[in-house]
Amino acid sequence: MLLPYYKEGVIEAGCDEAGRGCLAGSVFASAVILPTDYHNDLLNDSKQLTAKQRYLLRDEIERDAVAWALGIVTAEEIDKMNILRASITAMHRAIDGLKVKPEHLIIDGNKFMPYKREGTLIPHTTIVKGDGKYLSIAAASILAKTYRDDYMKKLHQEFPFYGWDHNAGYPTKEHRQGIEIHGTTPYHRMTFNLLGAVQLELPFA
């Protein structure tokens, strides 16, 4: 069973992102503040759920959350700043969008950049595999994943050669074959090795 919070007695937002490992499309992040007494037995890491479960849970999360928001960083921005910084920037943008100011942040993963709101530094804690440990991070993972999937399905209608309606832009064989045959689109991340060469992530600096 996932835990309701990391720090008791504060307004805590969970944050996660989706699409970091993709070859195309924006990276999406979400920040979610849940009630401190929140319970949902189905809520879990989005990767452990079916698509149907994720969309049902999205409705429940949006209904029950104290506040939630999305943050997006485009493929063009990713190419300028590198994917790690882009993922964190997307989380910052999601937190910016929360209608309730959090007092503590719990972040999925082990990297984050300090976040200020209204001139105040908001304390944060990074948690490896946090989407399988804390309800608010799991909720954020579901919102980021489902909204990004919706976005990639829309892009698929414009560019139907890469299988984005079911691979969401990840580096599948079908996606790479599409690039070989049809070339790249404005949504491809040109700093990534699109045809399968070893990808070296830029250092975090």
N, C-alpha and C. Protein backbone atom coordinates (compact mmCIF):
# COMPACT_ATOMS: atom_id res chain seq x y z
N MET A 1 0.84 -1.20 0.00
CA MET A 1 0.00 0.00 0.00
C MET A 1 0.88 1.25 0.00
N LEU A 2 0.55 2.21 -0.85
CA LEU A 2 1.33 3.43 -0.96
C LEU A 2 1.08 4.34 0.24
N LEU A 3 2.08 5.14 0.57
CA LEU A 3 1.99 6.03 1.73
C LEU A 3 1.33 7.35 1.34
N PRO A 4 0.58 7.96 2.26
CA PRO A 4 -0.14 9.19 1.93
C PRO A 4 0.74 10.44 1.88
N TYR A 5 1.87 10.42 2.58
CA TYR A 5 2.74 11.60 2.58
C TYR A 5 4.13 11.21 3.08
N TYR A 6 5.09 12.08 2.80
CA TYR A 6 6.46 11.90 3.29
C TYR A 6 6.66 12.69 4.58
N LYS A 7 6.17 13.93 4.58
CA LYS A 7 6.24 14.78 5.78
C LYS A 7 4.83 15.06 6.28
N GLU A 8 4.62 14.78 7.53
CA GLU A 8 3.30 14.99 8.11
C GLU A 8 3.11 16.46 8.48
N GLY A 9 1.88 16.94 8.31
CA GLY A 9 1.53 18.27 8.79
C GLY A 9 1.90 19.41 7.87
N VAL A 10 2.28 19.12 6.61
CA VAL A 10 2.58 20.18 5.65
C VAL A 10 1.81 19.92 4.36
N ILE A 11 1.66 20.96 3.55
CA ILE A 11 1.04 20.80 2.23
C ILE A 11 2.11 20.26 1.29
N GLU A 12 1.93 19.02 0.88
CA GLU A 12 2.98 18.32 0.13
C GLU A 12 2.49 18.00 -1.28
N ALA A 13 3.32 18.32 -2.26
CA ALA A 13 3.02 18.00 -3.66
C ALA A 13 3.95 16.91 -4.15
N GLY A 14 3.38 15.91 -4.82
CA GLY A 14 4.16 14.88 -5.48
C GLY A 14 4.36 15.24 -6.94
N CYS A 15 5.55 14.95 -7.48
CA CYS A 15 5.89 15.34 -8.85
C CYS A 15 6.50 14.17 -9.61
N ASP A 16 6.12 14.04 -10.87
CA ASP A 16 6.71 13.02 -11.73
C ASP A 16 6.61 13.49 -13.17
N GLU A 17 7.37 12.84 -14.05
CA GLU A 17 7.36 13.20 -15.47
C GLU A 17 7.13 11.96 -16.33
N ALA A 18 6.80 12.22 -17.61
CA ALA A 18 6.62 11.14 -18.58
C ALA A 18 7.24 11.57 -19.90
N GLY A 19 7.88 10.62 -20.57
CA GLY A 19 8.42 10.87 -21.89
C GLY A 19 9.89 11.20 -21.96
N ARG A 20 10.58 11.01 -20.85
CA ARG A 20 12.01 11.35 -20.83
C ARG A 20 12.81 10.53 -21.84
N GLY A 21 12.49 9.25 -22.00
CA GLY A 21 13.27 8.39 -22.88
C GLY A 21 12.80 8.33 -24.32
N CYS A 22 11.87 9.21 -24.71
CA CYS A 22 11.31 9.18 -26.05
C CYS A 22 12.22 9.86 -27.07
N LEU A 23 12.03 9.51 -28.32
CA LEU A 23 12.76 10.13 -29.42
C LEU A 23 12.03 11.34 -29.97
N ALA A 24 10.75 11.45 -29.65
CA ALA A 24 9.94 12.53 -30.21
C ALA A 24 8.92 13.00 -29.18
N GLY A 25 8.48 14.24 -29.37
CA GLY A 25 7.44 14.79 -28.52
C GLY A 25 7.97 15.50 -27.29
N SER A 26 7.10 16.27 -26.68
CA SER A 26 7.42 17.00 -25.46
C SER A 26 7.55 16.04 -24.28
N VAL A 27 8.23 16.49 -23.25
CA VAL A 27 8.20 15.79 -21.97
C VAL A 27 7.12 16.46 -21.13
N PHE A 28 6.29 15.65 -20.48
CA PHE A 28 5.20 16.13 -19.65
C PHE A 28 5.52 15.84 -18.19
N ALA A 29 5.13 16.73 -17.31
CA ALA A 29 5.25 16.50 -15.88
C ALA A 29 3.95 16.89 -15.21
N SER A 30 3.75 16.37 -14.02
CA SER A 30 2.57 16.75 -13.24
C SER A 30 2.97 16.93 -11.79
N ALA A 31 2.26 17.80 -11.12
CA ALA A 31 2.38 17.99 -9.68
C ALA A 31 0.99 17.84 -9.08
N VAL A 32 0.89 17.08 -8.00
CA VAL A 32 -0.42 16.79 -7.39
C VAL A 32 -0.34 16.95 -5.88
N ILE A 33 -1.31 17.66 -5.33
CA ILE A 33 -1.49 17.74 -3.88
C ILE A 33 -2.78 16.98 -3.55
N LEU A 34 -2.65 15.94 -2.76
CA LEU A 34 -3.80 15.14 -2.34
C LEU A 34 -4.18 15.48 -0.90
N PRO A 35 -5.43 15.23 -0.51
CA PRO A 35 -5.79 15.38 0.90
C PRO A 35 -4.91 14.48 1.77
N THR A 36 -4.58 14.92 2.98
CA THR A 36 -3.67 14.16 3.83
C THR A 36 -4.24 12.81 4.24
N ASP A 37 -5.55 12.67 4.23
CA ASP A 37 -6.17 11.40 4.62
C ASP A 37 -6.61 10.60 3.40
N TYR A 38 -6.02 10.87 2.23
CA TYR A 38 -6.49 10.27 0.99
C TYR A 38 -6.17 8.78 0.94
N HIS A 39 -7.12 7.99 0.44
CA HIS A 39 -6.93 6.55 0.23
C HIS A 39 -7.47 6.18 -1.14
N ASN A 40 -6.74 5.35 -1.85
CA ASN A 40 -7.20 4.81 -3.12
C ASN A 40 -6.41 3.53 -3.37
N ASP A 41 -7.06 2.41 -3.20
CA ASP A 41 -6.36 1.12 -3.26
C ASP A 41 -5.80 0.80 -4.65
N LEU A 42 -6.38 1.39 -5.69
CA LEU A 42 -5.93 1.09 -7.05
C LEU A 42 -4.74 1.96 -7.46
N LEU A 43 -4.60 3.10 -6.82
CA LEU A 43 -3.56 4.06 -7.21
C LEU A 43 -2.17 3.45 -7.03
N ASN A 44 -1.38 3.50 -8.12
CA ASN A 44 -0.05 2.89 -8.12
C ASN A 44 0.78 3.55 -9.22
N ASP A 45 2.04 3.21 -9.28
CA ASP A 45 2.92 3.62 -10.37
C ASP A 45 2.20 3.37 -11.70
N SER A 46 2.17 4.39 -12.56
CA SER A 46 1.41 4.28 -13.81
C SER A 46 1.87 3.10 -14.67
N LYS A 47 3.15 2.73 -14.57
CA LYS A 47 3.67 1.63 -15.38
C LYS A 47 3.11 0.28 -14.94
N GLN A 48 2.55 0.21 -13.73
CA GLN A 48 1.98 -1.04 -13.22
C GLN A 48 0.49 -1.18 -13.53
N LEU A 49 -0.06 -0.20 -14.23
CA LEU A 49 -1.50 -0.17 -14.49
C LEU A 49 -1.78 -0.33 -15.98
N THR A 50 -2.99 -0.78 -16.29
CA THR A 50 -3.42 -0.82 -17.68
C THR A 50 -3.84 0.59 -18.11
N ALA A 51 -3.93 0.79 -19.41
CA ALA A 51 -4.36 2.11 -19.91
C ALA A 51 -5.76 2.45 -19.38
N LYS A 52 -6.65 1.47 -19.36
CA LYS A 52 -8.01 1.71 -18.85
C LYS A 52 -7.98 2.15 -17.40
N GLN A 53 -7.16 1.48 -16.59
CA GLN A 53 -7.04 1.85 -15.18
C GLN A 53 -6.48 3.26 -15.02
N ARG A 54 -5.49 3.60 -15.83
CA ARG A 54 -4.90 4.94 -15.74
C ARG A 54 -5.92 6.03 -16.01
N TYR A 55 -6.74 5.83 -17.05
CA TYR A 55 -7.71 6.87 -17.39
C TYR A 55 -8.84 6.95 -16.36
N LEU A 56 -9.24 5.82 -15.80
CA LEU A 56 -10.24 5.86 -14.72
C LEU A 56 -9.67 6.60 -13.51
N LEU A 57 -8.40 6.31 -13.19
CA LEU A 57 -7.77 6.97 -12.05
C LEU A 57 -7.55 8.45 -12.31
N ARG A 58 -7.29 8.82 -13.55
CA ARG A 58 -7.11 10.25 -13.85
C ARG A 58 -8.35 11.03 -13.44
N ASP A 59 -9.52 10.51 -13.78
CA ASP A 59 -10.76 11.19 -13.40
C ASP A 59 -10.88 11.31 -11.89
N GLU A 60 -10.53 10.23 -11.19
CA GLU A 60 -10.63 10.24 -9.72
C GLU A 60 -9.64 11.22 -9.10
N ILE A 61 -8.42 11.23 -9.63
CA ILE A 61 -7.39 12.13 -9.10
C ILE A 61 -7.81 13.59 -9.29
N GLU A 62 -8.28 13.91 -10.48
CA GLU A 62 -8.67 15.29 -10.76
C GLU A 62 -9.86 15.71 -9.89
N ARG A 63 -10.74 14.78 -9.61
CA ARG A 63 -11.90 15.06 -8.76
C ARG A 63 -11.49 15.25 -7.30
N ASP A 64 -10.56 14.43 -6.83
CA ASP A 64 -10.27 14.38 -5.39
C ASP A 64 -9.10 15.26 -4.95
N ALA A 65 -8.22 15.63 -5.87
CA ALA A 65 -7.01 16.35 -5.49
C ALA A 65 -7.33 17.73 -4.92
N VAL A 66 -6.53 18.16 -3.98
CA VAL A 66 -6.58 19.54 -3.50
C VAL A 66 -6.17 20.48 -4.63
N ALA A 67 -5.15 20.08 -5.39
CA ALA A 67 -4.70 20.83 -6.56
C ALA A 67 -3.88 19.91 -7.44
N TRP A 68 -3.90 20.17 -8.75
CA TRP A 68 -3.04 19.43 -9.68
C TRP A 68 -2.74 20.33 -10.87
N ALA A 69 -1.64 20.05 -11.55
CA ALA A 69 -1.27 20.85 -12.72
C ALA A 69 -0.28 20.06 -13.57
N LEU A 70 -0.18 20.47 -14.83
CA LEU A 70 0.76 19.89 -15.78
C LEU A 70 1.84 20.90 -16.13
N GLY A 71 3.01 20.40 -16.50
CA GLY A 71 4.08 21.22 -17.05
C GLY A 71 4.64 20.53 -18.28
N ILE A 72 4.95 21.30 -19.31
CA ILE A 72 5.38 20.73 -20.59
C ILE A 72 6.64 21.43 -21.07
N VAL A 73 7.59 20.65 -21.59
CA VAL A 73 8.78 21.18 -22.25
C VAL A 73 8.85 20.54 -23.63
N THR A 74 8.94 21.36 -24.65
CA THR A 74 8.86 20.88 -26.03
C THR A 74 10.16 20.21 -26.48
N ALA A 75 10.06 19.49 -27.59
CA ALA A 75 11.25 18.84 -28.16
C ALA A 75 12.32 19.87 -28.51
N GLU A 76 11.92 21.02 -29.02
CA GLU A 76 12.88 22.08 -29.35
C GLU A 76 13.61 22.56 -28.09
N GLU A 77 12.87 22.71 -27.00
CA GLU A 77 13.49 23.11 -25.73
C GLU A 77 14.41 22.02 -25.19
N ILE A 78 13.99 20.77 -25.33
CA ILE A 78 14.81 19.64 -24.89
C ILE A 78 16.17 19.68 -25.59
N ASP A 79 16.15 19.93 -26.89
CA ASP A 79 17.40 19.98 -27.66
C ASP A 79 18.32 21.11 -27.18
N LYS A 80 17.73 22.17 -26.65
CA LYS A 80 18.54 23.30 -26.18
C LYS A 80 19.11 23.08 -24.78
N MET A 81 18.38 22.34 -23.94
CA MET A 81 18.79 22.30 -22.53
C MET A 81 19.21 20.92 -22.03
N ASN A 82 19.02 19.86 -22.77
CA ASN A 82 19.24 18.44 -22.46
C ASN A 82 18.05 17.88 -21.69
N ILE A 83 17.88 16.57 -21.77
CA ILE A 83 16.64 15.95 -21.31
C ILE A 83 16.51 15.96 -19.79
N LEU A 84 17.61 15.85 -19.07
CA LEU A 84 17.50 15.88 -17.61
C LEU A 84 17.01 17.24 -17.13
N ARG A 85 17.64 18.29 -17.62
CA ARG A 85 17.21 19.63 -17.23
C ARG A 85 15.78 19.89 -17.71
N ALA A 86 15.44 19.40 -18.90
CA ALA A 86 14.08 19.58 -19.43
C ALA A 86 13.05 18.90 -18.54
N SER A 87 13.36 17.70 -18.06
CA SER A 87 12.43 16.97 -17.20
C SER A 87 12.18 17.74 -15.90
N ILE A 88 13.24 18.29 -15.34
CA ILE A 88 13.10 19.05 -14.10
C ILE A 88 12.36 20.36 -14.36
N THR A 89 12.65 21.00 -15.50
CA THR A 89 11.94 22.23 -15.86
C THR A 89 10.45 21.97 -16.02
N ALA A 90 10.09 20.84 -16.62
CA ALA A 90 8.67 20.49 -16.75
C ALA A 90 8.02 20.35 -15.38
N MET A 91 8.74 19.75 -14.41
CA MET A 91 8.20 19.64 -13.06
C MET A 91 8.05 21.01 -12.42
N HIS A 92 9.03 21.89 -12.61
CA HIS A 92 8.92 23.25 -12.10
C HIS A 92 7.68 23.95 -12.66
N ARG A 93 7.46 23.77 -13.95
CA ARG A 93 6.29 24.41 -14.58
C ARG A 93 4.98 23.84 -14.02
N ALA A 94 4.97 22.54 -13.75
CA ALA A 94 3.78 21.94 -13.15
C ALA A 94 3.52 22.53 -11.76
N ILE A 95 4.57 22.65 -10.97
CA ILE A 95 4.42 23.22 -9.62
C ILE A 95 3.95 24.67 -9.70
N ASP A 96 4.49 25.40 -10.70
CA ASP A 96 4.04 26.78 -10.92
C ASP A 96 2.52 26.85 -11.10
N GLY A 97 1.97 25.82 -11.73
CA GLY A 97 0.54 25.82 -12.05
C GLY A 97 -0.38 25.43 -10.92
N LEU A 98 0.15 24.97 -9.82
CA LEU A 98 -0.70 24.56 -8.70
C LEU A 98 -1.40 25.78 -8.10
N LYS A 99 -2.70 25.65 -7.89
CA LYS A 99 -3.48 26.75 -7.31
C LYS A 99 -3.23 26.89 -5.81
N VAL A 100 -2.70 25.86 -5.20
CA VAL A 100 -2.34 25.88 -3.78
C VAL A 100 -0.82 25.80 -3.68
N LYS A 101 -0.22 26.68 -2.91
CA LYS A 101 1.24 26.71 -2.78
C LYS A 101 1.69 25.58 -1.88
N PRO A 102 2.54 24.67 -2.37
CA PRO A 102 3.02 23.58 -1.53
C PRO A 102 4.08 24.05 -0.53
N GLU A 103 4.20 23.31 0.54
CA GLU A 103 5.21 23.59 1.56
C GLU A 103 6.36 22.59 1.51
N HIS A 104 6.16 21.51 0.77
CA HIS A 104 7.19 20.49 0.59
C HIS A 104 6.91 19.76 -0.71
N LEU A 105 7.97 19.36 -1.40
CA LEU A 105 7.85 18.63 -2.67
C LEU A 105 8.49 17.26 -2.53
N ILE A 106 7.82 16.24 -3.04
CA ILE A 106 8.45 14.93 -3.17
C ILE A 106 8.54 14.60 -4.66
N ILE A 107 9.75 14.27 -5.08
CA ILE A 107 10.09 14.17 -6.49
C ILE A 107 10.48 12.73 -6.82
N ASP A 108 9.87 12.18 -7.87
CA ASP A 108 10.29 10.85 -8.31
C ASP A 108 11.68 10.92 -8.94
N GLY A 109 12.58 10.05 -8.49
CA GLY A 109 13.93 10.03 -9.05
C GLY A 109 14.97 10.51 -8.05
N ASN A 110 16.15 10.83 -8.56
CA ASN A 110 17.24 11.24 -7.66
C ASN A 110 17.87 12.57 -8.04
N LYS A 111 17.25 13.30 -8.99
CA LYS A 111 17.78 14.59 -9.41
C LYS A 111 16.66 15.64 -9.41
N PHE A 112 17.00 16.82 -8.92
CA PHE A 112 16.06 17.94 -8.95
C PHE A 112 16.85 19.22 -8.78
N MET A 113 16.30 20.32 -9.25
CA MET A 113 16.90 21.63 -9.04
C MET A 113 16.04 22.40 -8.05
N PRO A 114 16.64 23.16 -7.15
CA PRO A 114 15.87 23.91 -6.16
C PRO A 114 14.76 24.73 -6.81
N TYR A 115 13.62 24.75 -6.16
CA TYR A 115 12.44 25.43 -6.70
C TYR A 115 12.01 26.55 -5.77
N LYS A 116 11.82 27.73 -6.36
CA LYS A 116 11.33 28.87 -5.59
C LYS A 116 9.96 29.28 -6.11
N ARG A 117 9.10 29.67 -5.19
CA ARG A 117 7.80 30.23 -5.56
C ARG A 117 7.56 31.47 -4.73
N GLU A 118 7.26 32.56 -5.42
CA GLU A 118 7.03 33.85 -4.74
C GLU A 118 8.23 34.21 -3.86
N GLY A 119 9.41 33.88 -4.36
CA GLY A 119 10.63 34.22 -3.64
C GLY A 119 11.01 33.27 -2.52
N THR A 120 10.19 32.26 -2.29
CA THR A 120 10.43 31.32 -1.19
C THR A 120 10.95 29.99 -1.73
N LEU A 121 12.04 29.50 -1.20
CA LEU A 121 12.55 28.18 -1.58
C LEU A 121 11.67 27.12 -0.94
N ILE A 122 11.11 26.24 -1.76
CA ILE A 122 10.27 25.16 -1.26
C ILE A 122 11.14 23.93 -1.03
N PRO A 123 11.21 23.41 0.19
CA PRO A 123 12.03 22.21 0.43
C PRO A 123 11.56 21.04 -0.43
N HIS A 124 12.51 20.20 -0.83
CA HIS A 124 12.14 19.03 -1.62
C HIS A 124 12.91 17.80 -1.16
N THR A 125 12.34 16.64 -1.48
CA THR A 125 12.97 15.35 -1.22
C THR A 125 12.86 14.52 -2.49
N THR A 126 13.99 14.01 -3.00
CA THR A 126 13.95 13.10 -4.15
C THR A 126 13.82 11.66 -3.64
N ILE A 127 13.01 10.88 -4.34
CA ILE A 127 12.72 9.51 -3.90
C ILE A 127 12.80 8.58 -5.12
N VAL A 128 13.80 7.72 -5.12
CA VAL A 128 13.94 6.76 -6.22
C VAL A 128 12.75 5.80 -6.20
N LYS A 129 12.13 5.63 -7.37
CA LYS A 129 10.92 4.81 -7.51
C LYS A 129 9.80 5.30 -6.59
N GLY A 130 9.75 6.60 -6.43
CA GLY A 130 8.74 7.20 -5.57
C GLY A 130 7.33 6.99 -6.05
N ASP A 131 7.16 6.76 -7.38
CA ASP A 131 5.80 6.54 -7.89
C ASP A 131 5.23 5.21 -7.43
N GLY A 132 6.07 4.34 -6.87
CA GLY A 132 5.57 3.10 -6.29
C GLY A 132 5.56 3.13 -4.78
N LYS A 133 5.78 4.33 -4.19
CA LYS A 133 5.86 4.45 -2.73
C LYS A 133 4.89 5.46 -2.15
N TYR A 134 4.60 6.54 -2.89
CA TYR A 134 3.79 7.63 -2.35
C TYR A 134 2.61 7.94 -3.28
N LEU A 135 1.46 8.14 -2.68
CA LEU A 135 0.23 8.34 -3.46
C LEU A 135 0.32 9.55 -4.38
N SER A 136 0.84 10.67 -3.88
CA SER A 136 0.84 11.88 -4.69
C SER A 136 1.79 11.76 -5.88
N ILE A 137 2.91 11.06 -5.72
CA ILE A 137 3.81 10.86 -6.86
C ILE A 137 3.17 9.91 -7.86
N ALA A 138 2.52 8.86 -7.37
CA ALA A 138 1.81 7.94 -8.26
C ALA A 138 0.73 8.68 -9.04
N ALA A 139 0.00 9.56 -8.36
CA ALA A 139 -1.04 10.35 -9.02
C ALA A 139 -0.43 11.24 -10.10
N ALA A 140 0.71 11.86 -9.78
CA ALA A 140 1.39 12.70 -10.76
C ALA A 140 1.86 11.88 -11.96
N SER A 141 2.34 10.67 -11.71
CA SER A 141 2.80 9.81 -12.81
C SER A 141 1.66 9.47 -13.75
N ILE A 142 0.47 9.25 -13.20
CA ILE A 142 -0.70 8.90 -14.01
C ILE A 142 -1.14 10.09 -14.86
N LEU A 143 -1.19 11.27 -14.27
CA LEU A 143 -1.60 12.44 -15.04
C LEU A 143 -0.59 12.75 -16.14
N ALA A 144 0.69 12.72 -15.82
CA ALA A 144 1.71 13.00 -16.83
C ALA A 144 1.64 11.99 -17.97
N LYS A 145 1.52 10.72 -17.63
CA LYS A 145 1.48 9.66 -18.63
C LYS A 145 0.25 9.76 -19.53
N THR A 146 -0.92 9.91 -18.95
CA THR A 146 -2.15 9.91 -19.77
C THR A 146 -2.25 11.14 -20.64
N TYR A 147 -1.89 12.30 -20.11
CA TYR A 147 -1.96 13.51 -20.94
C TYR A 147 -0.91 13.48 -22.04
N ARG A 148 0.24 12.90 -21.76
CA ARG A 148 1.25 12.79 -22.82
C ARG A 148 0.80 11.79 -23.88
N ASP A 149 0.20 10.69 -23.46
CA ASP A 149 -0.32 9.72 -24.43
C ASP A 149 -1.36 10.37 -25.35
N ASP A 150 -2.25 11.18 -24.77
CA ASP A 150 -3.26 11.88 -25.58
C ASP A 150 -2.59 12.78 -26.60
N TYR A 151 -1.56 13.49 -26.16
CA TYR A 151 -0.82 14.41 -27.04
C TYR A 151 -0.14 13.66 -28.18
N MET A 152 0.49 12.51 -27.88
CA MET A 152 1.17 11.75 -28.92
C MET A 152 0.18 11.15 -29.92
N LYS A 153 -1.01 10.79 -29.46
CA LYS A 153 -2.04 10.28 -30.39
C LYS A 153 -2.49 11.38 -31.35
N LYS A 154 -2.54 12.62 -30.87
CA LYS A 154 -2.88 13.73 -31.76
C LYS A 154 -1.77 13.97 -32.78
N LEU A 155 -0.52 13.88 -32.34
CA LEU A 155 0.59 14.05 -33.28
C LEU A 155 0.59 12.93 -34.32
N HIS A 156 0.17 11.73 -33.91
CA HIS A 156 0.10 10.60 -34.84
C HIS A 156 -0.84 10.89 -36.01
N GLN A 157 -1.89 11.64 -35.77
CA GLN A 157 -2.82 11.98 -36.85
C GLN A 157 -2.15 12.86 -37.91
N GLU A 158 -1.20 13.65 -37.46
CA GLU A 158 -0.46 14.53 -38.38
C GLU A 158 0.69 13.79 -39.06
N PHE A 159 1.34 12.90 -38.32
CA PHE A 159 2.48 12.13 -38.82
C PHE A 159 2.27 10.65 -38.49
N PRO A 160 1.56 9.91 -39.35
CA PRO A 160 1.15 8.54 -39.01
C PRO A 160 2.19 7.46 -39.33
N PHE A 161 3.45 7.85 -39.54
CA PHE A 161 4.46 6.90 -40.02
C PHE A 161 5.31 6.28 -38.92
N TYR A 162 5.08 6.64 -37.67
CA TYR A 162 6.01 6.27 -36.61
C TYR A 162 5.39 5.44 -35.49
N GLY A 163 4.08 5.23 -35.56
CA GLY A 163 3.42 4.42 -34.53
C GLY A 163 3.22 5.14 -33.21
N TRP A 164 3.15 6.47 -33.24
CA TRP A 164 3.06 7.23 -32.00
C TRP A 164 1.75 6.99 -31.24
N ASP A 165 0.74 6.50 -31.93
CA ASP A 165 -0.53 6.24 -31.25
C ASP A 165 -0.43 5.07 -30.27
N HIS A 166 0.62 4.25 -30.42
CA HIS A 166 0.78 3.14 -29.47
C HIS A 166 2.19 3.05 -28.86
N ASN A 167 3.20 3.68 -29.48
CA ASN A 167 4.53 3.65 -28.84
C ASN A 167 4.87 4.96 -28.14
N ALA A 168 4.01 5.98 -28.29
CA ALA A 168 4.14 7.27 -27.59
C ALA A 168 5.47 7.97 -27.84
N GLY A 169 6.14 7.59 -28.92
CA GLY A 169 7.40 8.24 -29.25
C GLY A 169 8.64 7.55 -28.72
N TYR A 170 8.45 6.42 -28.04
CA TYR A 170 9.61 5.69 -27.51
C TYR A 170 10.38 5.02 -28.66
N PRO A 171 11.63 4.63 -28.42
CA PRO A 171 12.50 4.12 -29.49
C PRO A 171 12.23 2.66 -29.86
N THR A 172 11.06 2.41 -30.42
CA THR A 172 10.74 1.07 -30.89
C THR A 172 11.33 0.85 -32.29
N LYS A 173 11.37 -0.40 -32.69
CA LYS A 173 11.85 -0.73 -34.04
C LYS A 173 11.00 -0.03 -35.09
N GLU A 174 9.69 -0.04 -34.89
CA GLU A 174 8.77 0.61 -35.83
C GLU A 174 9.06 2.11 -35.95
N HIS A 175 9.28 2.74 -34.81
CA HIS A 175 9.55 4.18 -34.81
C HIS A 175 10.84 4.49 -35.58
N ARG A 176 11.88 3.72 -35.31
CA ARG A 176 13.16 3.98 -35.98
C ARG A 176 13.09 3.67 -37.48
N GLN A 177 12.31 2.65 -37.84
CA GLN A 177 12.14 2.37 -39.26
C GLN A 177 11.40 3.51 -39.95
N GLY A 178 10.43 4.10 -39.24
CA GLY A 178 9.72 5.25 -39.78
C GLY A 178 10.64 6.42 -40.04
N ILE A 179 11.58 6.64 -39.13
CA ILE A 179 12.56 7.72 -39.31
C ILE A 179 13.45 7.44 -40.52
N GLU A 180 13.89 6.18 -40.65
CA GLU A 180 14.74 5.81 -41.80
C GLU A 180 14.04 6.06 -43.12
N ILE A 181 12.75 5.73 -43.17
CA ILE A 181 12.01 5.82 -44.43
C ILE A 181 11.50 7.24 -44.71
N HIS A 182 10.95 7.87 -43.68
CA HIS A 182 10.25 9.15 -43.88
C HIS A 182 11.01 10.36 -43.35
N GLY A 183 12.12 10.13 -42.66
CA GLY A 183 12.87 11.23 -42.10
C GLY A 183 12.27 11.70 -40.78
N THR A 184 12.74 12.83 -40.32
CA THR A 184 12.30 13.36 -39.02
C THR A 184 11.17 14.37 -39.20
N THR A 185 10.57 14.72 -38.08
CA THR A 185 9.48 15.71 -38.03
C THR A 185 9.91 16.86 -37.12
N PRO A 186 9.13 17.92 -37.07
CA PRO A 186 9.44 19.00 -36.13
C PRO A 186 9.35 18.57 -34.67
N TYR A 187 8.78 17.39 -34.42
CA TYR A 187 8.60 16.92 -33.05
C TYR A 187 9.71 15.98 -32.60
N HIS A 188 10.63 15.63 -33.48
CA HIS A 188 11.73 14.75 -33.09
C HIS A 188 12.80 15.54 -32.32
N ARG A 189 13.42 14.86 -31.38
CA ARG A 189 14.49 15.45 -30.56
C ARG A 189 15.81 15.23 -31.29
N MET A 190 16.28 16.27 -31.94
CA MET A 190 17.39 16.11 -32.86
C MET A 190 18.73 15.87 -32.16
N THR A 191 18.82 16.11 -30.87
CA THR A 191 20.06 15.82 -30.14
C THR A 191 20.11 14.37 -29.69
N PHE A 192 19.04 13.60 -29.91
CA PHE A 192 19.04 12.18 -29.58
C PHE A 192 19.56 11.39 -30.79
N ASN A 193 20.11 10.23 -30.52
CA ASN A 193 20.56 9.36 -31.61
C ASN A 193 19.36 8.57 -32.12
N LEU A 194 18.70 9.12 -33.10
CA LEU A 194 17.38 8.66 -33.51
C LEU A 194 17.39 7.28 -34.15
N LEU A 195 18.50 6.88 -34.75
CA LEU A 195 18.52 5.61 -35.47
C LEU A 195 19.17 4.47 -34.68
N GLY A 196 19.45 4.70 -33.40
CA GLY A 196 19.84 3.57 -32.57
C GLY A 196 21.27 3.54 -32.11
N ALA A 197 22.06 4.57 -32.40
CA ALA A 197 23.42 4.61 -31.87
C ALA A 197 23.37 4.80 -30.37
N VAL A 198 24.46 4.51 -29.69
CA VAL A 198 24.51 4.63 -28.23
C VAL A 198 24.24 6.09 -27.85
N GLN A 199 23.28 6.28 -26.96
CA GLN A 199 22.93 7.62 -26.51
C GLN A 199 23.66 7.98 -25.22
N LEU A 200 24.45 9.01 -25.25
CA LEU A 200 25.12 9.50 -24.05
C LEU A 200 24.37 10.71 -23.54
N GLU A 201 23.82 10.61 -22.35
CA GLU A 201 23.06 11.74 -21.81
C GLU A 201 24.02 12.86 -21.42
N LEU A 202 23.62 14.08 -21.74
CA LEU A 202 24.45 15.22 -21.39
C LEU A 202 24.57 15.35 -19.88
N PRO A 203 25.71 15.79 -19.38
CA PRO A 203 25.88 15.89 -17.92
C PRO A 203 24.97 16.92 -17.32
N PHE A 204 24.58 16.70 -16.09
CA PHE A 204 23.73 17.64 -15.36
C PHE A 204 24.63 18.75 -14.81
N ALA A 205 24.41 19.95 -15.28
CA ALA A 205 25.25 21.06 -14.84
C ALA A 205 24.45 22.35 -14.83
